[in-house]
Amino acid sequence: MSSTVFTLADLKRILLEGAGADDGIDLDGDILDLDFETIGYESLALLETGGRIEREYDIALDDDVFTDNPTPRTLIAAVNSLLTSVSTTA
């Protein structure tokens, strides 16, 4: 599945499919500016999330994408930036 826009709904779906959610974590709440660690996702879960994003959207994420983009808002922007650059070169 390839898309030109990566949304918060896409990120939530991928997070849940790859790592689930800890009890007490409400992904339907206002999570855009919370660190991934705060919402219960640590390095292994984020590696799985990154791999799923890469496969589903046919892009390559930098190794430090989650370090450079520690919140859903910044990660979504980074993924969309890659999608835009891929679609303009294709």
C-alpha atoms as a PDB file:
ATOM      1  CA  MET A   1       0.000   0.000   0.000  1.00  0.00           C
ATOM      2  CA  SER A   2       1.505   3.273  -1.029  1.00  0.00           C
ATOM      3  CA  SER A   3       0.139   6.663  -0.162  1.00  0.00           C
ATOM      4  CA  THR A   4       1.266  10.208  -0.659  1.00  0.00           C
ATOM      5  CA  VAL A   5       0.082  11.361   2.768  1.00  0.00           C
ATOM      6  CA  PHE A   6       0.972   9.853   6.140  1.00  0.00           C
ATOM      7  CA  THR A   7      -1.525  10.809   8.846  1.00  0.00           C
ATOM      8  CA  LEU A   8      -1.880  10.485  12.591  1.00  0.00           C
ATOM      9  CA  ALA A   9      -4.467   7.766  11.962  1.00  0.00           C
ATOM     10  CA  ASP A  10      -1.891   5.860   9.883  1.00  0.00           C
ATOM     11  CA  LEU A  11       0.700   6.201  12.641  1.00  0.00           C
ATOM     12  CA  LYS A  12      -1.733   5.020  15.330  1.00  0.00           C
ATOM     13  CA  ARG A  13      -2.716   2.005  13.233  1.00  0.00           C
ATOM     14  CA  ILE A  14       0.924   1.055  12.622  1.00  0.00           C
ATOM     15  CA  LEU A  15       1.833   1.525  16.297  1.00  0.00           C
ATOM     16  CA  LEU A  16      -1.048  -0.704  17.385  1.00  0.00           C
ATOM     17  CA  GLU A  17      -0.364  -3.367  14.737  1.00  0.00           C
ATOM     18  CA  GLY A  18       3.341  -3.506  15.523  1.00  0.00           C
ATOM     19  CA  ALA A  19       3.560  -3.059  19.269  1.00  0.00           C
ATOM     20  CA  GLY A  20       0.056  -2.760  20.683  1.00  0.00           C
ATOM     21  CA  ALA A  21      -0.603  -0.271  23.435  1.00  0.00           C
ATOM     22  CA  ASP A  22       0.151  -0.330  27.132  1.00  0.00           C
ATOM     23  CA  ASP A  23      -2.752  -0.277  29.543  1.00  0.00           C
ATOM     24  CA  GLY A  24      -3.654   3.285  30.388  1.00  0.00           C
ATOM     25  CA  ILE A  25      -2.360   4.679  27.101  1.00  0.00           C
ATOM     26  CA  ASP A  26      -5.044   6.423  25.099  1.00  0.00           C
ATOM     27  CA  LEU A  27      -3.879   6.845  21.518  1.00  0.00           C
ATOM     28  CA  ASP A  28      -7.150   8.602  20.803  1.00  0.00           C
ATOM     29  CA  GLY A  29      -6.158  11.422  23.146  1.00  0.00           C
ATOM     30  CA  ASP A  30      -4.046  14.436  22.263  1.00  0.00           C
ATOM     31  CA  ILE A  31      -0.731  12.676  21.605  1.00  0.00           C
ATOM     32  CA  LEU A  32       0.690  14.754  18.754  1.00  0.00           C
ATOM     33  CA  ASP A  33       3.235  16.575  20.914  1.00  0.00           C
ATOM     34  CA  LEU A  34       3.994  13.853  23.470  1.00  0.00           C
ATOM     35  CA  ASP A  35       7.283  11.960  23.276  1.00  0.00           C
ATOM     36  CA  PHE A  36       6.897   8.392  22.061  1.00  0.00           C
ATOM     37  CA  GLU A  37       8.350   7.174  25.356  1.00  0.00           C
ATOM     38  CA  THR A  38       5.656   9.085  27.258  1.00  0.00           C
ATOM     39  CA  ILE A  39       2.922   7.319  25.298  1.00  0.00           C
ATOM     40  CA  GLY A  40       4.532   3.938  25.975  1.00  0.00           C
ATOM     41  CA  TYR A  41       6.700   3.259  22.918  1.00  0.00           C
ATOM     42  CA  GLU A  42      10.383   2.604  23.471  1.00  0.00           C
ATOM     43  CA  SER A  43      13.210   1.721  21.097  1.00  0.00           C
ATOM     44  CA  LEU A  44      12.188  -1.815  20.095  1.00  0.00           C
ATOM     45  CA  ALA A  45       8.592  -0.786  19.391  1.00  0.00           C
ATOM     46  CA  LEU A  46       9.816   2.207  17.425  1.00  0.00           C
ATOM     47  CA  LEU A  47      12.148   0.035  15.344  1.00  0.00           C
ATOM     48  CA  GLU A  48       9.175  -2.145  14.444  1.00  0.00           C
ATOM     49  CA  THR A  49       7.116   0.954  13.686  1.00  0.00           C
ATOM     50  CA  GLY A  50       9.832   2.364  11.446  1.00  0.00           C
ATOM     51  CA  GLY A  51      10.119  -0.913   9.557  1.00  0.00           C
ATOM     52  CA  ARG A  52       6.389  -1.042   8.995  1.00  0.00           C
ATOM     53  CA  ILE A  53       6.320   2.545   7.741  1.00  0.00           C
ATOM     54  CA  GLU A  54       9.178   1.804   5.342  1.00  0.00           C
ATOM     55  CA  ARG A  55       7.492  -1.301   3.924  1.00  0.00           C
ATOM     56  CA  GLU A  56       4.021   0.166   3.680  1.00  0.00           C
ATOM     57  CA  TYR A  57       5.042   3.491   2.144  1.00  0.00           C
ATOM     58  CA  ASP A  58       8.078   2.241   0.189  1.00  0.00           C
ATOM     59  CA  ILE A  59      10.485   4.757   1.716  1.00  0.00           C
ATOM     60  CA  ALA A  60      13.757   4.522   3.639  1.00  0.00           C
ATOM     61  CA  LEU A  61      13.876   6.190   7.027  1.00  0.00           C
ATOM     62  CA  ASP A  62      17.158   7.411   8.501  1.00  0.00           C
ATOM     63  CA  ASP A  63      18.478   5.388  11.422  1.00  0.00           C
ATOM     64  CA  ASP A  64      17.982   8.371  13.715  1.00  0.00           C
ATOM     65  CA  VAL A  65      14.468   9.272  12.535  1.00  0.00           C
ATOM     66  CA  PHE A  66      12.948   8.706  15.997  1.00  0.00           C
ATOM     67  CA  THR A  67      15.775  10.526  17.762  1.00  0.00           C
ATOM     68  CA  ASP A  68      15.354  13.506  15.463  1.00  0.00           C
ATOM     69  CA  ASN A  69      11.537  13.261  15.587  1.00  0.00           C
ATOM     70  CA  PRO A  70      10.562  12.218  19.107  1.00  0.00           C
ATOM     71  CA  THR A  71       6.857  13.076  18.817  1.00  0.00           C
ATOM     72  CA  PRO A  72       4.094  11.906  16.502  1.00  0.00           C
ATOM     73  CA  ARG A  73       3.776  15.422  15.032  1.00  0.00           C
ATOM     74  CA  THR A  74       7.438  15.642  14.021  1.00  0.00           C
ATOM     75  CA  LEU A  75       7.570  12.032  12.781  1.00  0.00           C
ATOM     76  CA  ILE A  76       4.481  12.544  10.605  1.00  0.00           C
ATOM     77  CA  ALA A  77       6.081  15.668   9.119  1.00  0.00           C
ATOM     78  CA  ALA A  78       9.341  13.801   8.431  1.00  0.00           C
ATOM     79  CA  VAL A  79       7.548  10.888   6.757  1.00  0.00           C
ATOM     80  CA  ASN A  80       5.428  13.241   4.653  1.00  0.00           C
ATOM     81  CA  SER A  81       8.552  15.133   3.623  1.00  0.00           C
ATOM     82  CA  LEU A  82      10.072  11.864   2.382  1.00  0.00           C
ATOM     83  CA  LEU A  83       6.853  10.913   0.606  1.00  0.00           C
ATOM     84  CA  THR A  84       6.772  14.282  -1.126  1.00  0.00           C
ATOM     85  CA  SER A  85      10.379  13.988  -2.261  1.00  0.00           C
ATOM     86  CA  VAL A  86       9.788  10.432  -3.529  1.00  0.00           C
ATOM     87  CA  SER A  87       6.672  11.430  -5.460  1.00  0.00           C
ATOM     88  CA  THR A  88       8.402  14.382  -7.123  1.00  0.00           C
ATOM     89  CA  THR A  89      11.328  12.219  -8.267  1.00  0.00           C
ATOM     90  CA  ALA A  90       9.199   9.346  -9.488  1.00  0.00           C
END
